[in-house]
Amino acid sequence: MFSRYRKETTPSGQAKPESRAVPVHEIATVTPSSQPEMAAPRPAPRPSFKATQAPQSIAAQPAANDKDRRRRQRILEVKSELHTRLLDNLNLAALDSASEAELRAEIAAISAEALSEINFALTSEERLSLNQDLYFEVRGLGPLEPLLKDDTVNDILVNGPNRVFVERAGKLQLTDVTFKDERHLLRIIDKIVSAVGRRVDESNPYVDARLADGSRFNAMVPPVAVDGSLVSIRKFKKEKLGINDLVGYGAFSEEMAMYLEAAVATRLNVIVSGGTGSGKTTTLNALSSFIDNSERILTIEDTAELQLQQVHVGRMESRPPNVEGKGAVTQRDCLRNALRMRPDRIIVGETRGEEVIDMLQAMNTGHDGSMTTIHANSARDAISRLENMVAMAGIEMPLKAVRSQIASAVNLIVQASRLQDGSRRMVSITEVTGMEGEIITMQEVFRFERTGLEPNGKILGHFTGSGIRSHYSDRFKRWGYDLPASLYDVV
């Protein structure tokens, strides 16, 4: 036993209380996260009425199921009891310096001692699962920890304590992971947000945060969440996908990659447009790889996700108000301050509000090559969204003046989309060419054309040029990027 992780005991044998108060988020209620018994019950097989079937086999099935159910219930009770013993025996103040191996050994020892006292036998597989669950409760995020370690999972979506979904390869799947109850789920949420100095409760029922590995976390709790707390986690990719990786995955073609390299290197202002989960941030990360190392880049985000590899990068993140409703720092505040920090390029993770005014002004006043993302379903919709955000900012400007500023600021709109088969494609690259009267003129230079649908639901199609020469071809040549005319040919 590692006695330094045990609480000191008094002569009477009772655990000596610790000198510091233990926050409720440090140890959550034990969960049977890895046990298959908590999965949604499967419907019982429909009995067959064939004469060859023995009637006693139908009657024997409920008895066996009832026995398994009682054992599962007993294991749950044992887990709760062991969790209580952990609270009583582990010295939480000393755990900060404990290694993973030492902590696992200590948990296994306390668990074995408790199982011996209550005279309950577990199989080796059940014992390993039990000790793993207890470790995740102490050091990790309880039931969510195995999902966070699974590299095939892109998103984790929790709809109350009993329904946890994941996204794999663009498809949602219901898992057998559950929380013991709503209180357990709330403790895990509190553990996450407390680590980054934020809070969530009835008076502030929603929160954005970032996990230790950079994953984006959002939660909404009752009374706003009606059927239990809602949690969404967009997992952080440890390996940044480059242009070659995206071309290999079929996100866009080599011709489109050549065009985008010229566009970014020659400092065109780019907007990446798309819906939720369409790959906007991934695309923005990939495009940033074309920026020269000699340039000073400032990034502004609500939740820091961009992984720029350049030497000279300054990262900024907005901040919500504190408990007193003060101290908020918005993206617009960061953007205004960034303009005074001599940036060559400004990259805004997502433009969604009044910061659009400052973003457009930056693009129009010497910060060529700036980039941002926006939620929209097409290039034309992206322009409309910019107009609407300017109007929502409360600035009284004639529509023609707003459109003129947008046409002058934005050069390129890259449209990303998640298709019905779960694949993510760059479905369009559109250039903003100017104004005709009060209308912003645009031309599409590349697009994805769908040609069919396989029986398994996979979308068939190919990338093609529009046959229209780029409006910025002369600019590309002046910067040393002489793209061949065949690049824009219709396939």
Protein backbone atom coordinates (compact mmCIF):
# COMPACT_ATOMS: atom_id res chain seq x y z
CA MET A 1 0.00 0.00 0.00
CA PHE A 2 1.18 3.54 -0.73
CA SER A 3 0.46 4.97 2.70
CA ARG A 4 1.26 8.54 1.66
CA TYR A 5 -1.92 8.54 -0.47
CA ARG A 6 -4.01 7.39 2.50
CA LYS A 7 -5.58 9.82 4.93
CA GLU A 8 -4.07 9.95 8.39
CA THR A 9 -6.13 8.05 10.95
CA THR A 10 -6.85 8.84 14.58
CA PRO A 11 -6.24 6.29 17.37
CA SER A 12 -9.88 5.28 17.15
CA GLY A 13 -9.32 4.20 13.57
CA GLN A 14 -11.37 6.98 11.99
CA ALA A 15 -9.97 8.91 9.04
CA LYS A 16 -8.50 12.22 10.04
CA PRO A 17 -10.22 15.07 8.17
CA GLU A 18 -8.05 16.81 5.57
CA SER A 19 -6.88 20.34 6.11
CA ARG A 20 -8.35 21.56 2.82
CA ALA A 21 -11.88 21.40 1.55
CA VAL A 22 -12.34 19.05 -1.34
CA PRO A 23 -14.26 20.62 -4.25
CA VAL A 24 -17.14 18.48 -5.33
CA HIS A 25 -15.79 18.30 -8.89
CA GLU A 26 -12.56 16.52 -7.89
CA ILE A 27 -14.27 13.18 -7.27
CA ALA A 28 -17.48 12.35 -9.07
CA THR A 29 -19.90 9.58 -8.38
CA VAL A 30 -18.75 6.24 -9.75
CA THR A 31 -20.18 5.29 -13.08
CA PRO A 32 -20.43 1.96 -14.83
CA SER A 33 -19.12 3.60 -18.01
CA SER A 34 -17.45 0.57 -19.47
CA GLN A 35 -20.07 -1.99 -18.47
CA PRO A 36 -22.23 -3.25 -21.28
CA GLU A 37 -25.18 -3.72 -18.99
CA MET A 38 -26.04 -0.03 -19.09
CA ALA A 39 -26.65 -0.07 -22.83
CA ALA A 40 -30.18 0.46 -24.07
CA PRO A 41 -32.00 -2.87 -23.56
CA ARG A 42 -32.42 -4.91 -26.71
CA PRO A 43 -35.86 -6.25 -27.54
CA ALA A 44 -36.30 -9.87 -26.58
CA PRO A 45 -36.18 -12.27 -29.55
CA ARG A 46 -39.59 -13.14 -30.95
CA PRO A 47 -40.44 -16.75 -30.01
CA SER A 48 -40.63 -19.22 -32.88
CA PHE A 49 -43.56 -21.60 -33.14
CA LYS A 50 -41.74 -24.30 -35.06
CA ALA A 51 -42.42 -27.81 -33.82
CA THR A 52 -38.69 -28.55 -33.54
CA GLN A 53 -38.16 -25.92 -30.81
CA ALA A 54 -38.10 -27.22 -27.25
CA PRO A 55 -40.70 -25.41 -25.15
CA GLN A 56 -38.52 -25.43 -22.03
CA SER A 57 -35.82 -23.26 -23.76
CA ILE A 58 -38.28 -20.35 -23.95
CA ALA A 59 -39.03 -20.57 -20.25
CA ALA A 60 -35.37 -20.90 -19.28
CA GLN A 61 -34.38 -17.62 -20.97
CA PRO A 62 -36.15 -15.22 -18.53
CA ALA A 63 -34.63 -17.01 -15.56
CA ALA A 64 -31.10 -16.57 -16.95
CA ASN A 65 -31.75 -12.91 -17.78
CA ASP A 66 -33.10 -12.28 -14.29
CA LYS A 67 -29.97 -13.78 -12.74
CA ASP A 68 -27.71 -11.57 -14.91
CA ARG A 69 -29.79 -8.53 -14.02
CA ARG A 70 -29.42 -9.17 -10.30
CA ARG A 71 -25.66 -9.56 -10.68
CA ARG A 72 -25.34 -6.33 -12.64
CA GLN A 73 -27.33 -4.52 -9.99
CA ARG A 74 -25.10 -5.94 -7.28
CA ILE A 75 -21.96 -4.81 -9.14
CA LEU A 76 -23.39 -1.28 -9.33
CA GLU A 77 -23.97 -1.31 -5.58
CA VAL A 78 -20.42 -2.53 -4.99
CA LYS A 79 -19.03 0.27 -7.19
CA SER A 80 -20.90 2.88 -5.19
CA GLU A 81 -19.57 1.41 -1.97
CA LEU A 82 -16.00 1.35 -3.29
CA HIS A 83 -16.31 4.94 -4.40
CA THR A 84 -17.33 5.91 -0.87
CA ARG A 85 -14.27 4.10 0.46
CA LEU A 86 -12.06 6.01 -1.94
CA LEU A 87 -13.44 9.29 -0.62
CA ASP A 88 -12.77 8.12 2.92
CA ASN A 89 -9.28 6.71 2.34
CA LEU A 90 -7.53 8.63 -0.44
CA ASN A 91 -5.59 11.73 0.56
CA LEU A 92 -6.70 13.98 -2.30
CA ALA A 93 -4.12 16.65 -1.47
CA ALA A 94 -1.31 14.13 -2.07
CA LEU A 95 -2.72 12.86 -5.35
CA ASP A 96 -1.45 15.86 -7.31
CA SER A 97 2.10 14.49 -7.08
CA ALA A 98 1.17 10.83 -7.58
CA SER A 99 2.09 9.11 -10.82
CA GLU A 100 -0.50 7.20 -12.84
CA ALA A 101 1.04 3.84 -11.93
CA GLU A 102 1.09 4.66 -8.22
CA LEU A 103 -2.49 5.89 -8.20
CA ARG A 104 -3.74 2.86 -10.13
CA ALA A 105 -1.93 0.56 -7.67
CA GLU A 106 -3.44 2.37 -4.70
CA ILE A 107 -6.96 2.20 -6.16
CA ALA A 108 -6.50 -1.51 -6.91
CA ALA A 109 -5.34 -2.14 -3.34
CA ILE A 110 -8.27 -0.29 -1.76
CA SER A 111 -10.65 -2.05 -4.14
CA ALA A 112 -9.27 -5.52 -3.33
CA GLU A 113 -9.42 -4.80 0.39
CA ALA A 114 -13.04 -3.67 0.17
CA LEU A 115 -14.12 -6.62 -1.99
CA SER A 116 -12.55 -8.99 0.52
CA GLU A 117 -14.40 -7.37 3.44
CA ILE A 118 -17.80 -7.51 1.77
CA ASN A 119 -17.05 -11.03 0.45
CA PHE A 120 -17.97 -10.33 -3.18
CA ALA A 121 -16.12 -12.07 -6.00
CA LEU A 122 -15.48 -10.51 -9.39
CA THR A 123 -14.00 -12.00 -12.51
CA SER A 124 -10.62 -10.66 -13.61
CA GLU A 125 -12.30 -8.73 -16.45
CA GLU A 126 -14.87 -7.20 -14.09
CA ARG A 127 -12.14 -6.25 -11.63
CA LEU A 128 -10.06 -4.53 -14.33
CA SER A 129 -13.13 -2.65 -15.53
CA LEU A 130 -13.96 -1.60 -11.98
CA ASN A 131 -10.47 -0.27 -11.28
CA GLN A 132 -10.41 1.56 -14.61
CA ASP A 133 -13.73 3.28 -13.84
CA LEU A 134 -12.49 4.33 -10.41
CA TYR A 135 -9.28 5.76 -11.89
CA PHE A 136 -11.21 7.76 -14.49
CA GLU A 137 -13.39 9.21 -11.73
CA VAL A 138 -10.37 10.34 -9.73
CA ARG A 139 -8.08 11.62 -12.50
CA GLY A 140 -10.18 11.88 -15.65
CA LEU A 141 -13.68 12.82 -16.73
CA GLY A 142 -15.48 9.67 -15.65
CA PRO A 143 -17.51 7.96 -18.39
CA LEU A 144 -16.30 10.44 -21.02
CA GLU A 145 -12.63 9.50 -20.61
CA PRO A 146 -12.64 6.37 -22.84
CA LEU A 147 -14.39 8.33 -25.59
CA LEU A 148 -11.84 11.15 -25.36
CA LYS A 149 -9.03 8.60 -25.77
CA ASP A 150 -10.70 6.99 -28.81
CA ASP A 151 -9.06 8.47 -31.92
CA THR A 152 -11.96 7.38 -34.15
CA VAL A 153 -14.39 9.68 -32.30
CA ASN A 154 -14.74 13.21 -33.67
CA ASP A 155 -17.59 14.54 -31.51
CA ILE A 156 -19.11 13.49 -28.17
CA LEU A 157 -22.75 14.51 -27.63
CA VAL A 158 -24.50 13.95 -24.29
CA ASN A 159 -28.30 14.23 -24.10
CA GLY A 160 -28.90 13.72 -20.40
CA PRO A 161 -27.25 11.09 -18.19
CA ASN A 162 -28.48 8.03 -20.09
CA ARG A 163 -27.90 8.90 -23.75
CA VAL A 164 -24.38 9.54 -25.03
CA PHE A 165 -23.74 9.76 -28.78
CA VAL A 166 -20.49 9.94 -30.73
CA GLU A 167 -19.68 10.86 -34.30
CA ARG A 168 -17.46 8.51 -36.25
CA ALA A 169 -16.69 9.10 -39.93
CA GLY A 170 -19.44 11.71 -40.12
CA LYS A 171 -22.14 9.41 -38.69
CA LEU A 172 -23.80 9.64 -35.25
CA GLN A 173 -23.87 6.49 -33.11
CA LEU A 174 -25.50 5.78 -29.74
CA THR A 175 -23.00 4.35 -27.24
CA ASP A 176 -23.48 2.19 -24.15
CA VAL A 177 -21.79 4.86 -22.00
CA THR A 178 -24.02 6.30 -19.27
CA PHE A 179 -23.80 8.40 -16.13
CA LYS A 180 -25.27 7.18 -12.86
CA ASP A 181 -27.71 10.09 -12.72
CA GLU A 182 -28.05 13.80 -13.52
CA ARG A 183 -26.10 14.72 -10.41
CA HIS A 184 -23.15 12.67 -11.61
CA LEU A 185 -23.24 14.38 -15.03
CA LEU A 186 -23.36 17.82 -13.40
CA ARG A 187 -20.28 16.99 -11.34
CA ILE A 188 -18.30 16.05 -14.43
CA ILE A 189 -19.39 19.31 -16.12
CA ASP A 190 -18.37 21.28 -13.04
CA LYS A 191 -15.01 19.52 -12.99
CA ILE A 192 -14.35 20.60 -16.58
CA VAL A 193 -15.40 24.25 -16.32
CA SER A 194 -13.79 24.81 -12.91
CA ALA A 195 -10.42 23.82 -14.36
CA VAL A 196 -10.56 26.81 -16.74
CA GLY A 197 -11.98 29.30 -14.25
CA ARG A 198 -15.57 29.29 -15.50
CA ARG A 199 -18.85 28.32 -13.91
CA VAL A 200 -22.23 26.89 -14.84
CA ASP A 201 -25.35 26.81 -12.65
CA GLU A 202 -29.01 27.82 -12.72
CA SER A 203 -28.16 31.51 -12.94
CA ASN A 204 -25.65 30.88 -15.75
CA PRO A 205 -26.96 27.70 -17.42
CA TYR A 206 -24.61 27.50 -20.41
CA VAL A 207 -20.85 27.61 -20.83
CA ASP A 208 -18.09 27.37 -23.44
CA ALA A 209 -14.74 26.00 -22.36
CA ARG A 210 -11.65 24.22 -23.59
CA LEU A 211 -10.39 20.87 -22.31
CA ALA A 212 -6.75 20.33 -21.37
CA ASP A 213 -6.02 18.77 -24.78
CA GLY A 214 -7.62 21.71 -26.64
CA SER A 215 -10.99 20.09 -27.38
CA ARG A 216 -13.94 22.46 -27.57
CA PHE A 217 -16.53 21.96 -24.80
CA ASN A 218 -20.05 23.35 -24.56
CA ALA A 219 -22.67 22.56 -21.93
CA MET A 220 -26.20 23.63 -21.07
CA VAL A 221 -27.77 22.57 -17.78
CA PRO A 222 -31.30 22.59 -16.30
CA PRO A 223 -33.62 24.39 -16.15
CA VAL A 224 -32.75 25.43 -19.73
CA ALA A 225 -31.95 21.81 -20.66
CA VAL A 226 -35.30 20.12 -20.08
CA ASP A 227 -34.44 16.39 -20.11
CA GLY A 228 -31.03 16.58 -18.47
CA SER A 229 -27.80 18.45 -19.12
CA LEU A 230 -26.63 18.77 -22.73
CA VAL A 231 -22.93 18.46 -23.49
CA SER A 232 -21.07 18.65 -26.79
CA ILE A 233 -17.33 18.10 -27.18
CA ARG A 234 -15.56 18.74 -30.49
CA LYS A 235 -12.36 16.77 -30.11
CA PHE A 236 -9.02 18.39 -30.76
CA LYS A 237 -6.99 16.81 -33.55
CA LYS A 238 -3.49 16.08 -32.30
CA GLU A 239 -2.17 15.81 -35.85
CA LYS A 240 -2.90 18.85 -37.98
CA LEU A 241 -4.20 17.94 -41.43
CA GLY A 242 -2.23 19.63 -44.21
CA ILE A 243 -3.19 20.37 -47.78
CA ASN A 244 -1.76 17.06 -49.03
CA ASP A 245 -3.75 15.15 -46.41
CA LEU A 246 -7.01 16.84 -47.43
CA VAL A 247 -6.32 16.21 -51.11
CA GLY A 248 -5.63 12.56 -50.27
CA TYR A 249 -8.93 12.30 -48.37
CA GLY A 250 -10.79 13.75 -51.36
CA ALA A 251 -11.74 17.05 -49.68
CA PHE A 252 -10.64 18.93 -52.82
CA SER A 253 -8.49 18.40 -55.92
CA GLU A 254 -4.84 19.13 -56.64
CA GLU A 255 -5.86 21.91 -59.05
CA MET A 256 -7.89 23.57 -56.30
CA ALA A 257 -4.91 23.23 -53.94
CA MET A 258 -2.64 24.98 -56.47
CA TYR A 259 -5.15 27.80 -56.86
CA LEU A 260 -5.59 28.21 -53.06
CA GLU A 261 -1.82 28.30 -52.55
CA ALA A 262 -1.57 31.17 -55.03
CA ALA A 263 -4.55 32.96 -53.46
CA VAL A 264 -3.19 32.81 -49.90
CA ALA A 265 0.43 33.54 -50.85
CA THR A 266 -0.63 36.62 -52.86
CA ARG A 267 -2.56 37.90 -49.83
CA LEU A 268 -6.15 37.64 -51.00
CA ASN A 269 -8.71 38.05 -48.21
CA VAL A 270 -10.43 34.70 -47.75
CA ILE A 271 -13.69 33.69 -46.07
CA VAL A 272 -14.28 29.98 -45.38
CA SER A 273 -18.02 29.40 -45.37
CA GLY A 274 -19.97 26.31 -44.31
CA GLY A 275 -22.36 24.69 -41.89
CA THR A 276 -21.69 23.17 -38.47
CA GLY A 277 -19.16 20.35 -38.65
CA SER A 278 -18.37 20.97 -42.31
CA GLY A 279 -14.62 21.36 -41.72
CA LYS A 280 -14.27 25.16 -41.74
CA THR A 281 -11.59 25.29 -39.05
CA THR A 282 -9.70 22.37 -40.59
CA THR A 283 -9.73 24.15 -43.95
CA LEU A 284 -8.59 27.41 -42.37
CA ASN A 285 -5.71 25.59 -40.66
CA ALA A 286 -4.67 24.03 -43.96
CA LEU A 287 -4.83 27.35 -45.84
CA SER A 288 -2.67 29.01 -43.21
CA SER A 289 0.20 26.67 -44.14
CA PHE A 290 0.70 28.80 -47.30
CA ILE A 291 1.51 31.94 -45.26
CA ASP A 292 5.17 32.91 -45.32
CA ASN A 293 7.14 32.62 -42.08
CA SER A 294 8.28 36.24 -42.36
CA GLU A 295 4.76 37.56 -41.69
CA ARG A 296 3.30 38.49 -38.31
CA ILE A 297 -0.05 36.72 -37.73
CA LEU A 298 -2.59 37.43 -35.00
CA THR A 299 -5.42 34.94 -34.35
CA ILE A 300 -8.65 35.79 -32.52
CA GLU A 301 -11.07 33.09 -31.37
CA ASP A 302 -13.83 32.42 -28.88
CA THR A 303 -12.25 29.03 -28.16
CA ALA A 304 -8.67 28.62 -29.34
CA GLU A 305 -8.58 25.86 -31.97
CA LEU A 306 -6.31 27.09 -34.75
CA GLN A 307 -2.94 25.32 -35.00
CA LEU A 308 -0.76 27.64 -37.04
CA GLN A 309 2.80 26.45 -37.62
CA GLN A 310 4.38 29.80 -38.48
CA VAL A 311 7.11 31.33 -36.31
CA HIS A 312 5.47 34.69 -35.59
CA VAL A 313 1.94 33.97 -34.29
CA GLY A 314 0.10 35.82 -31.54
CA ARG A 315 -3.00 34.05 -30.21
CA MET A 316 -5.94 35.76 -28.50
CA GLU A 317 -9.08 34.28 -26.96
CA SER A 318 -12.25 36.04 -25.84
CA ARG A 319 -13.43 35.77 -22.23
CA PRO A 320 -16.96 35.65 -20.76
CA PRO A 321 -18.02 37.88 -17.83
CA ASN A 322 -17.25 36.82 -14.28
CA VAL A 323 -19.74 36.05 -11.51
CA GLU A 324 -20.46 39.76 -11.08
CA GLY A 325 -21.15 40.17 -14.80
CA LYS A 326 -17.93 42.11 -15.37
CA GLY A 327 -14.61 41.49 -17.07
CA ALA A 328 -15.94 40.22 -20.41
CA VAL A 329 -13.55 40.48 -23.37
CA THR A 330 -15.28 40.04 -26.73
CA GLN A 331 -13.83 39.12 -30.10
CA ARG A 332 -14.42 42.72 -31.14
CA ASP A 333 -12.30 43.96 -28.22
CA CYS A 334 -9.51 41.60 -29.27
CA LEU A 335 -9.81 42.64 -32.91
CA ARG A 336 -9.65 46.36 -32.11
CA ASN A 337 -6.57 45.81 -30.01
CA ALA A 338 -4.99 43.59 -32.67
CA LEU A 339 -5.09 46.47 -35.16
CA ARG A 340 -2.63 48.33 -32.88
CA MET A 341 -0.20 45.40 -32.74
CA ARG A 342 1.28 45.72 -36.26
CA PRO A 343 -0.14 42.51 -37.76
CA ASP A 344 0.51 41.51 -41.36
CA ARG A 345 -2.52 39.23 -41.29
CA ILE A 346 -5.44 38.82 -38.91
CA ILE A 347 -7.21 35.47 -38.67
CA VAL A 348 -10.56 35.38 -36.86
CA GLY A 349 -11.67 31.87 -35.94
CA GLU A 350 -15.32 32.65 -36.60
CA THR A 351 -17.10 35.91 -37.37
CA ARG A 352 -20.57 35.83 -35.87
CA GLY A 353 -21.45 39.28 -34.54
CA GLU A 354 -20.55 42.93 -34.40
CA GLU A 355 -16.83 42.19 -34.85
CA VAL A 356 -17.63 41.92 -38.57
CA ILE A 357 -17.29 45.73 -38.86
CA ASP A 358 -13.73 45.71 -37.55
CA MET A 359 -12.89 42.64 -39.63
CA LEU A 360 -14.02 44.32 -42.86
CA GLN A 361 -12.18 47.51 -41.97
CA ALA A 362 -8.99 45.54 -41.28
CA MET A 363 -9.26 43.84 -44.67
CA ASN A 364 -9.74 47.24 -46.29
CA THR A 365 -6.92 49.07 -44.51
CA GLY A 366 -3.67 47.29 -45.24
CA HIS A 367 -4.16 43.88 -43.63
CA ASP A 368 -4.41 41.98 -46.91
CA GLY A 369 -4.41 38.21 -46.62
CA SER A 370 -6.68 38.12 -43.56
CA MET A 371 -8.99 35.14 -43.15
CA THR A 372 -12.07 34.12 -41.18
CA THR A 373 -14.90 31.58 -41.17
CA ILE A 374 -18.63 32.17 -41.31
CA HIS A 375 -21.75 30.02 -41.06
CA ALA A 376 -23.53 29.98 -44.43
CA ASN A 377 -24.83 27.46 -46.97
CA SER A 378 -23.38 29.06 -50.10
CA ALA A 379 -21.10 31.87 -51.24
CA ARG A 380 -24.08 34.15 -51.94
CA ASP A 381 -25.52 33.35 -48.51
CA ALA A 382 -22.17 34.23 -46.94
CA ILE A 383 -22.40 37.73 -48.45
CA SER A 384 -25.95 38.08 -47.10
CA ARG A 385 -24.78 36.95 -43.67
CA LEU A 386 -22.10 39.64 -43.67
CA GLU A 387 -24.72 42.25 -44.55
CA ASN A 388 -27.01 41.03 -41.76
CA MET A 389 -24.21 41.09 -39.17
CA VAL A 390 -23.35 44.66 -40.10
CA ALA A 391 -27.01 45.60 -39.63
CA MET A 392 -27.15 43.79 -36.24
CA ALA A 393 -24.11 45.74 -35.08
CA GLY A 394 -26.39 48.79 -34.97
CA ILE A 395 -24.43 50.88 -37.46
CA GLU A 396 -26.60 53.03 -39.71
CA MET A 397 -25.17 52.60 -43.20
CA PRO A 398 -26.90 52.55 -46.58
CA LEU A 399 -27.09 49.05 -48.05
CA LYS A 400 -25.06 50.08 -51.07
CA ALA A 401 -22.27 51.37 -48.82
CA VAL A 402 -22.24 48.12 -46.85
CA ARG A 403 -22.07 46.04 -50.03
CA SER A 404 -19.35 48.26 -51.44
CA GLN A 405 -17.23 47.70 -48.35
CA ILE A 406 -17.81 43.94 -48.48
CA ALA A 407 -16.93 43.78 -52.19
CA SER A 408 -13.76 45.74 -51.55
CA ALA A 409 -12.74 43.67 -48.50
CA VAL A 410 -13.54 40.06 -49.50
CA ASN A 411 -11.72 38.48 -52.44
CA LEU A 412 -12.46 34.78 -52.12
CA ILE A 413 -15.17 32.59 -50.56
CA VAL A 414 -14.35 28.92 -50.00
CA GLN A 415 -17.50 26.86 -49.39
CA ALA A 416 -17.10 23.71 -47.28
CA SER A 417 -19.90 21.21 -46.79
CA ARG A 418 -20.60 17.96 -44.98
CA LEU A 419 -22.49 15.77 -47.43
CA GLN A 420 -25.20 13.27 -46.56
CA ASP A 421 -22.74 10.34 -46.48
CA GLY A 422 -20.70 12.11 -43.80
CA SER A 423 -17.86 13.14 -46.12
CA ARG A 424 -16.56 16.71 -46.03
CA ARG A 425 -15.86 18.40 -49.35
CA MET A 426 -14.89 21.81 -50.62
CA VAL A 427 -17.94 22.17 -52.85
CA SER A 428 -17.17 25.61 -54.30
CA ILE A 429 -14.50 28.28 -54.65
CA THR A 430 -15.99 31.64 -55.62
CA GLU A 431 -14.28 34.96 -56.36
CA VAL A 432 -15.80 38.34 -55.49
CA THR A 433 -15.15 40.49 -58.54
CA GLY A 434 -16.72 43.86 -57.65
CA MET A 435 -20.03 45.72 -57.90
CA GLU A 436 -22.57 46.24 -60.67
CA GLY A 437 -25.02 48.87 -59.52
CA GLU A 438 -26.05 47.73 -56.04
CA ILE A 439 -25.27 44.04 -56.62
CA ILE A 440 -22.03 42.32 -55.58
CA THR A 441 -20.71 40.36 -58.57
CA MET A 442 -19.15 36.93 -58.10
CA GLN A 443 -17.81 34.12 -60.26
CA GLU A 444 -17.31 30.45 -59.39
CA VAL A 445 -13.94 29.04 -60.47
CA PHE A 446 -14.14 25.50 -59.00
CA ARG A 447 -16.98 23.27 -57.81
CA PHE A 448 -17.84 19.73 -56.83
CA GLU A 449 -20.28 18.00 -59.17
CA ARG A 450 -22.29 15.05 -57.89
CA THR A 451 -22.78 12.24 -60.39
CA GLY A 452 -24.65 9.61 -58.41
CA LEU A 453 -25.12 7.62 -55.23
CA GLU A 454 -23.76 4.16 -54.45
CA PRO A 455 -26.05 1.52 -52.86
CA ASN A 456 -24.18 1.94 -49.56
CA GLY A 457 -25.06 5.65 -49.53
CA LYS A 458 -21.65 6.97 -50.63
CA ILE A 459 -21.86 10.04 -52.85
CA LEU A 460 -20.17 9.85 -56.24
CA GLY A 461 -18.78 12.96 -57.92
CA HIS A 462 -15.72 14.88 -59.05
CA PHE A 463 -14.14 18.31 -58.80
CA THR A 464 -14.09 20.49 -61.89
CA GLY A 465 -13.20 23.97 -63.00
CA SER A 466 -15.87 26.29 -64.33
CA GLY A 467 -13.95 27.18 -67.49
CA ILE A 468 -13.69 30.81 -66.30
CA ARG A 469 -10.23 32.32 -65.93
CA SER A 470 -9.48 33.68 -62.46
CA HIS A 471 -10.22 37.37 -61.93
CA TYR A 472 -6.88 37.54 -60.05
CA SER A 473 -4.70 35.85 -62.70
CA ASP A 474 -2.66 39.02 -63.31
CA ARG A 475 -2.10 39.42 -59.58
CA PHE A 476 -0.90 35.80 -59.39
CA LYS A 477 1.60 36.42 -62.21
CA ARG A 478 3.01 39.54 -60.55
CA TRP A 479 3.67 37.50 -57.40
CA GLY A 480 5.30 34.66 -59.34
CA TYR A 481 2.37 32.24 -59.52
CA ASP A 482 1.71 31.73 -63.23
CA LEU A 483 -1.11 29.18 -63.11
CA PRO A 484 -1.82 27.38 -66.42
CA ALA A 485 -5.09 28.20 -68.17
CA SER A 486 -5.92 24.48 -68.22
CA LEU A 487 -6.31 24.63 -64.43
CA TYR A 488 -9.78 26.09 -64.85
CA ASP A 489 -10.96 23.68 -67.58
CA VAL A 490 -14.26 21.87 -67.16
CA VAL A 491 -13.65 18.16 -66.46
